[in-house]
N, C-alpha and C. Protein backbone atom coordinates (compact mmCIF):
# COMPACT_ATOMS: atom_id res chain seq x y z
N UNK A 1 -5.21 21.83 -8.24
CA UNK A 1 -6.24 21.50 -8.69
C UNK A 1 -6.87 20.85 -7.48
N UNK A 2 -7.87 20.78 -7.79
CA UNK A 2 -8.72 20.50 -6.29
C UNK A 2 -8.84 18.67 -6.30
N UNK A 3 -8.79 18.26 -5.11
CA UNK A 3 -8.82 16.83 -4.82
C UNK A 3 -10.39 16.55 -4.90
N UNK A 4 -10.39 15.12 -5.60
CA UNK A 4 -11.88 14.73 -6.21
C UNK A 4 -12.16 13.57 -5.18
N UNK A 5 -13.09 13.68 -4.33
CA UNK A 5 -13.37 12.42 -3.61
C UNK A 5 -13.79 10.75 -4.40
N UNK A 6 -13.11 9.94 -4.36
CA UNK A 6 -13.87 8.42 -5.16
C UNK A 6 -13.99 7.79 -4.67
N UNK A 7 -15.36 7.15 -5.12
CA UNK A 7 -15.85 5.75 -4.28
C UNK A 7 -15.31 4.77 -4.85
N UNK A 8 -15.03 3.49 -4.29
CA UNK A 8 -14.76 2.58 -5.30
C UNK A 8 -15.56 1.43 -5.07
N UNK A 9 -16.35 0.97 -5.80
CA UNK A 9 -17.35 -0.03 -5.90
C UNK A 9 -16.77 -1.40 -6.07
N UNK A 10 -16.90 -2.36 -5.03
CA UNK A 10 -15.92 -3.51 -5.46
C UNK A 10 -16.98 -4.81 -5.33
N UNK A 11 -17.14 -5.82 -5.62
CA UNK A 11 -17.91 -7.00 -5.54
C UNK A 11 -17.56 -7.62 -4.14
N UNK A 12 -19.00 -7.56 -3.47
CA UNK A 12 -18.70 -8.08 -2.22
C UNK A 12 -18.28 -9.36 -1.84
N UNK A 13 -18.60 -10.31 -2.81
CA UNK A 13 -18.07 -11.31 -2.78
C UNK A 13 -16.58 -11.89 -3.34
N UNK A 14 -15.85 -10.80 -3.97
CA UNK A 14 -14.42 -10.66 -4.27
C UNK A 14 -13.59 -9.16 -3.95
N UNK A 15 -13.54 -9.00 -3.18
CA UNK A 15 -13.31 -7.39 -2.55
C UNK A 15 -11.91 -7.52 -3.09
N UNK A 16 -11.33 -6.60 -3.50
CA UNK A 16 -9.73 -6.07 -3.38
C UNK A 16 -9.35 -5.50 -2.48
N UNK A 17 -8.16 -6.25 -2.03
CA UNK A 17 -7.58 -5.35 -0.66
C UNK A 17 -7.10 -4.34 -1.42
N UNK A 18 -6.92 -2.95 -0.09
CA UNK A 18 -6.59 -1.94 -0.39
C UNK A 18 -4.99 -1.89 -0.59
N UNK A 19 -4.21 -2.62 0.02
CA UNK A 19 -2.88 -2.69 -0.54
C UNK A 19 -2.38 -2.85 -1.99
N UNK A 20 -3.63 -4.04 -2.28
CA UNK A 20 -3.27 -4.00 -3.84
C UNK A 20 -3.96 -3.09 -4.65
N UNK A 21 -4.71 -2.22 -4.41
CA UNK A 21 -4.98 -0.72 -5.11
C UNK A 21 -3.93 -0.14 -5.10
N UNK A 22 -3.55 0.43 -3.86
CA UNK A 22 -2.33 0.97 -3.34
C UNK A 22 -1.19 0.44 -4.33
N UNK A 23 -1.01 -0.76 -4.38
CA UNK A 23 0.13 -1.29 -5.20
C UNK A 23 0.20 -0.83 -6.99
N UNK A 24 -0.95 -1.15 -7.23
CA UNK A 24 -1.49 -0.86 -8.65
C UNK A 24 -0.79 0.54 -9.13
N UNK A 25 -1.68 1.71 -7.95
CA UNK A 25 -1.51 3.03 -8.57
C UNK A 25 -0.23 3.10 -8.66
N UNK A 26 0.80 2.62 -7.80
CA UNK A 26 2.07 3.24 -7.41
C UNK A 26 2.79 2.45 -8.80
N UNK A 27 2.34 1.55 -9.42
CA UNK A 27 2.75 0.51 -10.90
C UNK A 27 2.53 1.54 -11.73
N UNK A 28 1.49 2.17 -11.96
CA UNK A 28 0.60 2.94 -13.22
C UNK A 28 1.62 4.54 -13.34
N UNK A 29 1.80 4.75 -12.05
CA UNK A 29 2.45 5.87 -11.58
C UNK A 29 4.07 6.04 -12.22
N UNK A 30 4.94 4.74 -11.76
CA UNK A 30 5.81 4.53 -11.84
C UNK A 30 6.18 4.30 -13.60
N UNK A 31 5.10 3.52 -14.25
CA UNK A 31 5.45 3.46 -15.68
C UNK A 31 5.29 4.68 -16.38
N UNK A 32 4.42 5.30 -16.18
CA UNK A 32 4.00 7.10 -16.67
C UNK A 32 5.49 7.39 -16.78
N UNK A 33 5.80 7.29 -15.39
CA UNK A 33 7.23 8.31 -15.18
C UNK A 33 8.06 7.74 -16.24
N UNK A 34 8.30 6.28 -16.30
CA UNK A 34 9.57 5.83 -17.28
C UNK A 34 9.08 6.03 -18.69
N UNK A 35 7.50 6.25 -19.00
CA UNK A 35 7.59 6.94 -20.45
C UNK A 35 7.96 8.10 -20.62
N UNK A 36 7.68 9.00 -19.58
CA UNK A 36 8.04 10.54 -19.85
C UNK A 36 9.70 10.58 -19.95
N UNK A 37 10.25 9.92 -19.22
CA UNK A 37 11.87 9.56 -19.49
C UNK A 37 12.22 9.26 -21.43
N UNK A 38 11.48 8.48 -21.86
CA UNK A 38 11.36 8.01 -23.04
C UNK A 38 11.11 9.17 -24.29
N UNK A 39 9.75 9.43 -23.97
CA UNK A 39 9.06 10.74 -24.52
C UNK A 39 8.95 11.73 -24.01
N UNK A 40 8.62 13.16 -25.04
CA UNK A 40 8.74 14.18 -24.59
C UNK A 40 6.89 14.08 -24.23
N UNK A 41 7.03 15.30 -23.34
CA UNK A 41 5.20 15.20 -22.97
C UNK A 41 4.39 15.73 -24.05
N UNK A 42 4.93 16.30 -25.15
CA UNK A 42 3.99 17.02 -26.35
C UNK A 42 4.24 15.52 -26.64
N UNK A 43 5.01 14.53 -27.49
CA UNK A 43 5.11 13.45 -28.30
C UNK A 43 4.00 12.80 -27.52
N UNK A 44 3.58 12.53 -26.47
CA UNK A 44 2.88 11.75 -25.77
C UNK A 44 1.43 12.22 -26.13
N UNK A 45 1.40 13.20 -25.93
CA UNK A 45 -0.23 14.06 -26.22
C UNK A 45 -0.48 13.88 -27.49
N UNK A 46 0.61 13.82 -28.38
CA UNK A 46 0.49 13.79 -30.16
C UNK A 46 -0.02 12.55 -30.34
N UNK A 47 0.95 11.68 -29.68
CA UNK A 47 0.74 9.73 -30.47
C UNK A 47 -0.94 9.85 -29.80
N UNK A 48 -0.99 9.83 -28.46
CA UNK A 48 -2.28 9.94 -27.96
C UNK A 48 -3.51 10.02 -28.82
N UNK A 49 -3.55 11.17 -29.14
CA UNK A 49 -4.33 12.07 -29.92
C UNK A 49 -4.55 11.32 -31.39
N UNK A 50 -3.10 11.01 -31.97
CA UNK A 50 -3.55 10.57 -33.59
C UNK A 50 -3.87 9.19 -33.34
N UNK A 51 -3.93 8.38 -32.06
CA UNK A 51 -4.23 7.11 -32.35
C UNK A 51 -5.79 7.01 -31.82
N UNK A 52 -6.11 7.67 -31.07
CA UNK A 52 -7.34 7.77 -30.34
C UNK A 52 -8.60 8.69 -31.01
N UNK A 53 -7.93 9.82 -31.33
CA UNK A 53 -8.98 10.61 -31.92
C UNK A 53 -9.88 11.56 -30.61
N UNK A 54 -9.46 11.65 -29.60
CA UNK A 54 -9.44 12.24 -28.72
C UNK A 54 -9.18 13.40 -28.68
N UNK A 55 -9.97 14.38 -27.85
CA UNK A 55 -9.60 15.76 -28.03
C UNK A 55 -7.92 16.13 -26.96
N UNK A 56 -7.88 17.08 -27.40
CA UNK A 56 -6.47 17.20 -26.93
C UNK A 56 -6.45 17.70 -25.05
N UNK A 57 -7.72 18.33 -25.12
CA UNK A 57 -7.59 19.11 -23.84
C UNK A 57 -7.94 18.07 -23.17
N UNK A 58 -9.05 16.49 -23.66
CA UNK A 58 -9.07 15.66 -22.59
C UNK A 58 -7.89 14.57 -22.29
N UNK A 59 -7.03 14.83 -23.24
CA UNK A 59 -5.54 14.01 -23.44
C UNK A 59 -5.02 14.20 -22.10
N UNK A 60 -4.97 16.33 -22.17
CA UNK A 60 -4.08 16.55 -21.26
C UNK A 60 -4.11 16.75 -19.69
N UNK A 61 -6.19 16.33 -19.44
CA UNK A 61 -6.60 16.09 -18.29
C UNK A 61 -5.99 15.21 -17.70
N UNK A 62 -5.95 13.83 -18.88
CA UNK A 62 -5.41 12.40 -17.94
C UNK A 62 -4.32 12.59 -17.71
N UNK A 63 -3.47 13.19 -18.46
CA UNK A 63 -1.84 13.11 -18.70
C UNK A 63 -1.54 13.59 -17.46
N UNK A 64 -2.36 14.82 -16.90
CA UNK A 64 -1.91 15.45 -15.84
C UNK A 64 -2.28 14.43 -14.64
N UNK A 65 -3.45 13.77 -14.83
CA UNK A 65 -3.95 12.90 -13.76
C UNK A 65 -2.94 12.26 -13.41
N UNK A 66 -2.34 11.39 -14.49
CA UNK A 66 -1.30 10.69 -14.50
C UNK A 66 -0.13 10.92 -13.78
N UNK A 67 0.40 11.94 -13.72
CA UNK A 67 1.34 12.79 -13.25
C UNK A 67 1.42 12.88 -11.88
N UNK A 68 0.07 12.98 -11.86
CA UNK A 68 0.05 13.65 -9.76
C UNK A 68 -0.67 12.50 -9.51
N UNK A 69 -1.24 11.04 -10.07
CA UNK A 69 -1.79 10.04 -9.53
C UNK A 69 -1.69 9.54 -8.16
N UNK A 70 -0.20 8.81 -7.62
CA UNK A 70 0.23 8.46 -7.00
C UNK A 70 0.32 9.44 -5.53
N UNK A 71 0.49 10.65 -5.31
CA UNK A 71 0.69 11.45 -4.90
C UNK A 71 -0.82 12.27 -4.39
N UNK A 72 -1.77 12.21 -5.35
CA UNK A 72 -2.92 12.04 -4.37
C UNK A 72 -3.66 11.02 -3.72
N UNK A 73 -3.18 9.68 -4.14
CA UNK A 73 -3.89 8.43 -4.33
C UNK A 73 -3.38 7.48 -2.94
N UNK A 74 -2.10 7.62 -2.83
CA UNK A 74 -1.39 7.06 -1.94
C UNK A 74 -0.56 7.85 -0.57
N UNK A 75 -0.76 7.27 0.29
CA UNK A 75 0.22 7.93 1.37
C UNK A 75 0.98 6.71 2.08
N UNK A 76 2.32 7.00 1.41
CA UNK A 76 3.43 6.37 2.12
C UNK A 76 4.04 6.55 3.60
N UNK A 77 4.04 5.39 4.00
CA UNK A 77 4.72 5.13 5.44
C UNK A 77 6.24 5.33 5.44
């Protein structure tokens, strides 16, 4: 899957530090991994679709992104 360059716009009066953004991304990624240990991928997809009405194609795209989020966005030292 090709990488997409994302620009983050911040309030110049209240900028969010890079390490806070990186920590948030890691937390989201780890939370999703814990969810995957408790439920199958299919169960997650069906649950989200039944509660949201969003197309399965779009849900799959988001789930795929969550699975790869940390590796795409955070470089560990």
